[in-house]
Structures are given as C-alpha cells and as structure tokens.
Amino acid sequence: MRLQRNPILTLLLLAVLTAPGVALASEENDAAELEAIINAIESGWENADGTPFYTNFLGQDGARFIESGGQNEGLRDLVEHHVEPEGDVLDGLDLTFSNIETHVEGDFAWALADVSVKATVKKDGRQIHNRGHETFLFRRTTDGWKVLHTHSSTRPVR
C-alpha cells in the first residue's frame, strides 16, 4: 500500500511543529523592544530630553507617572515639569536601569527593573545616590509597544 501526501495535512503538521518556535521568537522580539524603550527612557532622563517620552509613551488623559511619593499627571506634565527641568537642577545625572525583567500577555506587558540614580545638585553641590525599583506598564499599539504607566521608588544608599 502506498501512502499519499496530503498538502493540507502537511501544512497543518508543519504549523503545529513550528508554533512553539514562532512564539518564542515573538516573545524575544517583544522583550528586546521593551528593553529598547526602557533604554531610551534612561537616556531621556539623563539628557533632560523629552523626545524619548513623547515617542514611547501613550499620552492618554488621566495617566499618572509616580516617583518616590510624587506624581505627574499626564505625559506633558511628566516631561515639562520633571524630565526637562532636571537638566537645570542636576549635574552629571547617571540613571541606570538594570536586571530588567519583562512579561508579555497578549497586547499588555510589564517590566520590572532595578534603578540607580546618581547626580550632583547644582545649587548646593549635594550628592544624590539612590537605589530602588521601577515598574513599567505597556500596551501594544499599531505603532509598537507604548508605556502606559511608570512607578519608581528609590532610597538613599547608606
């Protein structure tokens, strides 16, 4: 008896066998994109540049961005009253996100990171050296992943 090949069955079998590899590649791509956004945000903070925020954040009404007990309401408030003014207040700002851990569930993702902040206050020369953690919430859009919310909490290093 001779077996005949069924092209539809062959395609279905191929799809089933390669699906886990496709999902893994997609997860790796998502993780890389989320980490690239976090790196851009790090650079934006260090350079008092709002561009990476306007590029990578959703500017939805009601958004709040929280840092060590303070909050900015909306993207414009975050950039104009926090990110950009820090260039006038701080010298040598070194912000580092490390140990970035990403999690993706469909079109929603979150990332956790350790954060270190070092800078000198221009006004009085006081040294800042804080460590803590940051959480990022993301939504997948037609333009790629966008930040919905951030929450950072740091303490002075002793």
C-alpha atoms as a PDB file:
ATOM      1  CA  MET A   1       0.000   0.000   0.000  1.00  0.00           C
ATOM      2  CA  ARG A   2       1.357   3.422  -0.950  1.00  0.00           C
ATOM      3  CA  LEU A   3       0.693   6.492   1.268  1.00  0.00           C
ATOM      4  CA  GLN A   4      -0.320   9.680  -0.499  1.00  0.00           C
ATOM      5  CA  ARG A   5       0.741  13.082   0.732  1.00  0.00           C
ATOM      6  CA  ASN A   6      -1.987  15.455   1.696  1.00  0.00           C
ATOM      7  CA  PRO A   7      -0.691  19.044   1.278  1.00  0.00           C
ATOM      8  CA  ILE A   8      -3.204  20.476   3.748  1.00  0.00           C
ATOM      9  CA  LEU A   9      -2.319  17.915   6.389  1.00  0.00           C
ATOM     10  CA  THR A  10       1.384  18.574   5.768  1.00  0.00           C
ATOM     11  CA  LEU A  11       0.896  22.341   6.266  1.00  0.00           C
ATOM     12  CA  LEU A  12      -1.103  21.790   9.454  1.00  0.00           C
ATOM     13  CA  LEU A  13       1.545  19.462  10.840  1.00  0.00           C
ATOM     14  CA  LEU A  14       4.268  21.968   9.956  1.00  0.00           C
ATOM     15  CA  ALA A  15       2.330  24.760  11.674  1.00  0.00           C
ATOM     16  CA  VAL A  16       1.864  22.707  14.848  1.00  0.00           C
ATOM     17  CA  LEU A  17       5.527  21.734  14.974  1.00  0.00           C
ATOM     18  CA  THR A  18       6.871  25.266  14.394  1.00  0.00           C
ATOM     19  CA  ALA A  19       4.347  27.229  16.522  1.00  0.00           C
ATOM     20  CA  PRO A  20       6.382  27.000  19.759  1.00  0.00           C
ATOM     21  CA  GLY A  21       9.455  28.354  17.952  1.00  0.00           C
ATOM     22  CA  VAL A  22       7.445  31.219  16.463  1.00  0.00           C
ATOM     23  CA  ALA A  23       6.001  32.086  19.880  1.00  0.00           C
ATOM     24  CA  LEU A  24       9.460  32.044  21.448  1.00  0.00           C
ATOM     25  CA  ALA A  25      10.849  34.307  18.717  1.00  0.00           C
ATOM     26  CA  SER A  26       7.918  36.686  19.201  1.00  0.00           C
ATOM     27  CA  GLU A  27       8.498  36.788  22.973  1.00  0.00           C
ATOM     28  CA  GLU A  28      12.188  37.503  22.422  1.00  0.00           C
ATOM     29  CA  ASN A  29      11.318  40.298  19.961  1.00  0.00           C
ATOM     30  CA  ASP A  30       8.830  41.791  22.425  1.00  0.00           C
ATOM     31  CA  ALA A  31      11.378  41.645  25.262  1.00  0.00           C
ATOM     32  CA  ALA A  32      14.016  43.315  23.079  1.00  0.00           C
ATOM     33  CA  GLU A  33      11.575  46.075  22.071  1.00  0.00           C
ATOM     34  CA  LEU A  34      10.524  46.699  25.686  1.00  0.00           C
ATOM     35  CA  GLU A  35      14.158  46.867  26.822  1.00  0.00           C
ATOM     36  CA  ALA A  36      14.999  49.273  23.967  1.00  0.00           C
ATOM     37  CA  ILE A  37      12.190  51.564  25.139  1.00  0.00           C
ATOM     38  CA  ILE A  38      13.478  51.429  28.721  1.00  0.00           C
ATOM     39  CA  ASN A  39      16.996  52.271  27.488  1.00  0.00           C
ATOM     40  CA  ALA A  40      15.616  55.238  25.515  1.00  0.00           C
ATOM     41  CA  ILE A  41      13.796  56.454  28.630  1.00  0.00           C
ATOM     42  CA  GLU A  42      17.033  56.144  30.623  1.00  0.00           C
ATOM     43  CA  SER A  43      18.798  58.306  28.037  1.00  0.00           C
ATOM     44  CA  GLY A  44      15.943  60.835  28.027  1.00  0.00           C
ATOM     45  CA  TRP A  45      16.183  61.275  31.800  1.00  0.00           C
ATOM     46  CA  GLU A  46      19.974  61.622  31.718  1.00  0.00           C
ATOM     47  CA  ASN A  47      19.860  64.228  28.947  1.00  0.00           C
ATOM     48  CA  ALA A  48      16.754  66.098  30.162  1.00  0.00           C
ATOM     49  CA  ASP A  49      15.232  65.262  26.778  1.00  0.00           C
ATOM     50  CA  GLY A  50      11.504  64.671  26.482  1.00  0.00           C
ATOM     51  CA  THR A  51      11.727  63.205  22.967  1.00  0.00           C
ATOM     52  CA  PRO A  52      12.008  59.529  24.045  1.00  0.00           C
ATOM     53  CA  PHE A  53       8.994  60.049  26.299  1.00  0.00           C
ATOM     54  CA  TYR A  54       6.828  61.568  23.558  1.00  0.00           C
ATOM     55  CA  THR A  55       7.965  58.773  21.217  1.00  0.00           C
ATOM     56  CA  ASN A  56       7.477  55.821  23.579  1.00  0.00           C
ATOM     57  CA  PHE A  57       4.648  56.814  25.938  1.00  0.00           C
ATOM     58  CA  LEU A  58       0.924  56.938  25.289  1.00  0.00           C
ATOM     59  CA  GLY A  59      -0.236  60.417  26.161  1.00  0.00           C
ATOM     60  CA  GLN A  60      -3.665  59.314  27.330  1.00  0.00           C
ATOM     61  CA  ASP A  61      -5.674  61.575  29.619  1.00  0.00           C
ATOM     62  CA  GLY A  62      -5.536  60.585  33.247  1.00  0.00           C
ATOM     63  CA  ALA A  63      -2.136  58.881  33.001  1.00  0.00           C
ATOM     64  CA  ARG A  64      -0.056  59.216  36.129  1.00  0.00           C
ATOM     65  CA  PHE A  65       3.657  58.665  36.490  1.00  0.00           C
ATOM     66  CA  ILE A  66       4.801  58.117  40.074  1.00  0.00           C
ATOM     67  CA  GLU A  67       8.252  58.586  41.537  1.00  0.00           C
ATOM     68  CA  SER A  68       9.146  58.279  45.233  1.00  0.00           C
ATOM     69  CA  GLY A  69       5.887  59.684  46.518  1.00  0.00           C
ATOM     70  CA  GLY A  70       5.416  62.354  43.843  1.00  0.00           C
ATOM     71  CA  GLN A  71       3.360  62.081  40.708  1.00  0.00           C
ATOM     72  CA  ASN A  72       2.994  63.720  37.347  1.00  0.00           C
ATOM     73  CA  GLU A  73      -0.446  63.781  35.781  1.00  0.00           C
ATOM     74  CA  GLY A  74      -0.189  63.151  32.060  1.00  0.00           C
ATOM     75  CA  LEU A  75       2.756  62.884  29.728  1.00  0.00           C
ATOM     76  CA  ARG A  76       3.173  66.614  29.153  1.00  0.00           C
ATOM     77  CA  ASP A  77       3.347  67.229  32.907  1.00  0.00           C
ATOM     78  CA  LEU A  78       5.983  64.497  33.272  1.00  0.00           C
ATOM     79  CA  VAL A  79       8.171  65.925  30.504  1.00  0.00           C
ATOM     80  CA  GLU A  80       7.743  69.653  31.123  1.00  0.00           C
ATOM     81  CA  HIS A  81       7.769  69.621  34.922  1.00  0.00           C
ATOM     82  CA  HIS A  82      10.090  66.728  35.684  1.00  0.00           C
ATOM     83  CA  VAL A  83      12.264  65.335  32.866  1.00  0.00           C
ATOM     84  CA  GLU A  84      13.366  68.554  31.159  1.00  0.00           C
ATOM     85  CA  PRO A  85      13.839  70.723  34.298  1.00  0.00           C
ATOM     86  CA  GLU A  86      16.194  68.169  35.858  1.00  0.00           C
ATOM     87  CA  GLY A  87      18.880  69.309  33.408  1.00  0.00           C
ATOM     88  CA  ASP A  88      18.774  72.735  35.082  1.00  0.00           C
ATOM     89  CA  VAL A  89      18.829  71.309  38.614  1.00  0.00           C
ATOM     90  CA  LEU A  90      21.157  68.293  38.420  1.00  0.00           C
ATOM     91  CA  ASP A  91      24.701  67.881  37.190  1.00  0.00           C
ATOM     92  CA  GLY A  92      26.023  64.579  35.868  1.00  0.00           C
ATOM     93  CA  LEU A  93      22.754  62.683  36.187  1.00  0.00           C
ATOM     94  CA  ASP A  94      23.504  58.976  35.866  1.00  0.00           C
ATOM     95  CA  LEU A  95      20.343  56.882  35.814  1.00  0.00           C
ATOM     96  CA  THR A  96      20.754  53.150  35.344  1.00  0.00           C
ATOM     97  CA  PHE A  97      18.047  50.548  34.852  1.00  0.00           C
ATOM     98  CA  SER A  98      19.410  47.031  35.393  1.00  0.00           C
ATOM     99  CA  ASN A  99      18.146  43.494  35.940  1.00  0.00           C
ATOM    100  CA  ILE A 100      15.258  44.260  33.582  1.00  0.00           C
ATOM    101  CA  GLU A 101      12.601  41.557  33.709  1.00  0.00           C
ATOM    102  CA  THR A 102       9.840  41.661  31.078  1.00  0.00           C
ATOM    103  CA  HIS A 103       6.470  39.894  30.982  1.00  0.00           C
ATOM    104  CA  VAL A 104       4.127  39.851  27.982  1.00  0.00           C
ATOM    105  CA  GLU A 105       0.493  38.772  27.951  1.00  0.00           C
ATOM    106  CA  GLY A 106      -1.019  39.444  24.549  1.00  0.00           C
ATOM    107  CA  ASP A 107      -1.151  43.193  23.966  1.00  0.00           C
ATOM    108  CA  PHE A 108      -0.253  44.035  27.585  1.00  0.00           C
ATOM    109  CA  ALA A 109       3.202  43.876  29.132  1.00  0.00           C
ATOM    110  CA  TRP A 110       5.048  44.978  32.203  1.00  0.00           C
ATOM    111  CA  ALA A 111       8.682  45.262  33.137  1.00  0.00           C
ATOM    112  CA  LEU A 112      10.449  45.413  36.467  1.00  0.00           C
ATOM    113  CA  ALA A 113      13.898  46.936  36.843  1.00  0.00           C
ATOM    114  CA  ASP A 114      16.394  47.859  39.488  1.00  0.00           C
ATOM    115  CA  VAL A 115      17.188  51.566  39.312  1.00  0.00           C
ATOM    116  CA  SER A 116      20.199  53.552  40.438  1.00  0.00           C
ATOM    117  CA  VAL A 117      20.312  57.354  40.416  1.00  0.00           C
ATOM    118  CA  LYS A 118      23.459  59.421  40.900  1.00  0.00           C
ATOM    119  CA  ALA A 119      23.780  63.178  40.439  1.00  0.00           C
ATOM    120  CA  THR A 120      25.035  66.399  41.969  1.00  0.00           C
ATOM    121  CA  VAL A 121      22.568  69.152  42.887  1.00  0.00           C
ATOM    122  CA  LYS A 122      23.836  72.273  41.093  1.00  0.00           C
ATOM    123  CA  LYS A 123      22.527  74.706  43.694  1.00  0.00           C
ATOM    124  CA  ASP A 124      24.421  73.356  46.717  1.00  0.00           C
ATOM    125  CA  GLY A 125      26.725  70.572  45.456  1.00  0.00           C
ATOM    126  CA  ARG A 126      24.830  67.897  47.406  1.00  0.00           C
ATOM    127  CA  GLN A 127      25.429  64.373  46.106  1.00  0.00           C
ATOM    128  CA  ILE A 128      22.455  62.145  45.306  1.00  0.00           C
ATOM    129  CA  HIS A 129      22.894  58.381  45.228  1.00  0.00           C
ATOM    130  CA  ASN A 130      19.640  56.434  45.381  1.00  0.00           C
ATOM    131  CA  ARG A 131      18.715  52.856  44.568  1.00  0.00           C
ATOM    132  CA  GLY A 132      15.357  51.176  44.197  1.00  0.00           C
ATOM    133  CA  HIS A 133      12.957  49.656  41.720  1.00  0.00           C
ATOM    134  CA  GLU A 134      10.799  50.718  38.797  1.00  0.00           C
ATOM    135  CA  THR A 135       7.730  49.205  37.204  1.00  0.00           C
ATOM    136  CA  PHE A 136       6.686  49.943  33.624  1.00  0.00           C
ATOM    137  CA  LEU A 137       3.265  49.055  32.153  1.00  0.00           C
ATOM    138  CA  PHE A 138       2.994  48.766  28.354  1.00  0.00           C
ATOM    139  CA  ARG A 139       0.295  48.379  25.690  1.00  0.00           C
ATOM    140  CA  ARG A 140       0.929  47.061  22.184  1.00  0.00           C
ATOM    141  CA  THR A 141      -0.374  49.536  19.600  1.00  0.00           C
ATOM    142  CA  THR A 142      -0.265  49.691  15.809  1.00  0.00           C
ATOM    143  CA  ASP A 143       2.957  51.710  16.306  1.00  0.00           C
ATOM    144  CA  GLY A 144       4.537  49.092  18.592  1.00  0.00           C
ATOM    145  CA  TRP A 145       4.785  48.955  22.373  1.00  0.00           C
ATOM    146  CA  LYS A 146       3.961  52.147  24.311  1.00  0.00           C
ATOM    147  CA  VAL A 147       4.380  52.944  28.008  1.00  0.00           C
ATOM    148  CA  LEU A 148       1.086  53.446  29.873  1.00  0.00           C
ATOM    149  CA  HIS A 149       2.388  53.987  33.394  1.00  0.00           C
ATOM    150  CA  THR A 150       5.581  54.018  35.442  1.00  0.00           C
ATOM    151  CA  HIS A 151       6.167  53.778  39.172  1.00  0.00           C
ATOM    152  CA  SER A 152       9.598  54.308  40.683  1.00  0.00           C
ATOM    153  CA  SER A 153      10.631  54.051  44.304  1.00  0.00           C
ATOM    154  CA  THR A 154      14.186  54.764  45.462  1.00  0.00           C
ATOM    155  CA  ARG A 155      16.018  55.374  48.741  1.00  0.00           C
ATOM    156  CA  PRO A 156      19.357  56.955  49.516  1.00  0.00           C
ATOM    157  CA  VAL A 157      22.233  54.475  49.545  1.00  0.00           C
ATOM    158  CA  ARG A 158      23.812  54.263  53.007  1.00  0.00           C
END
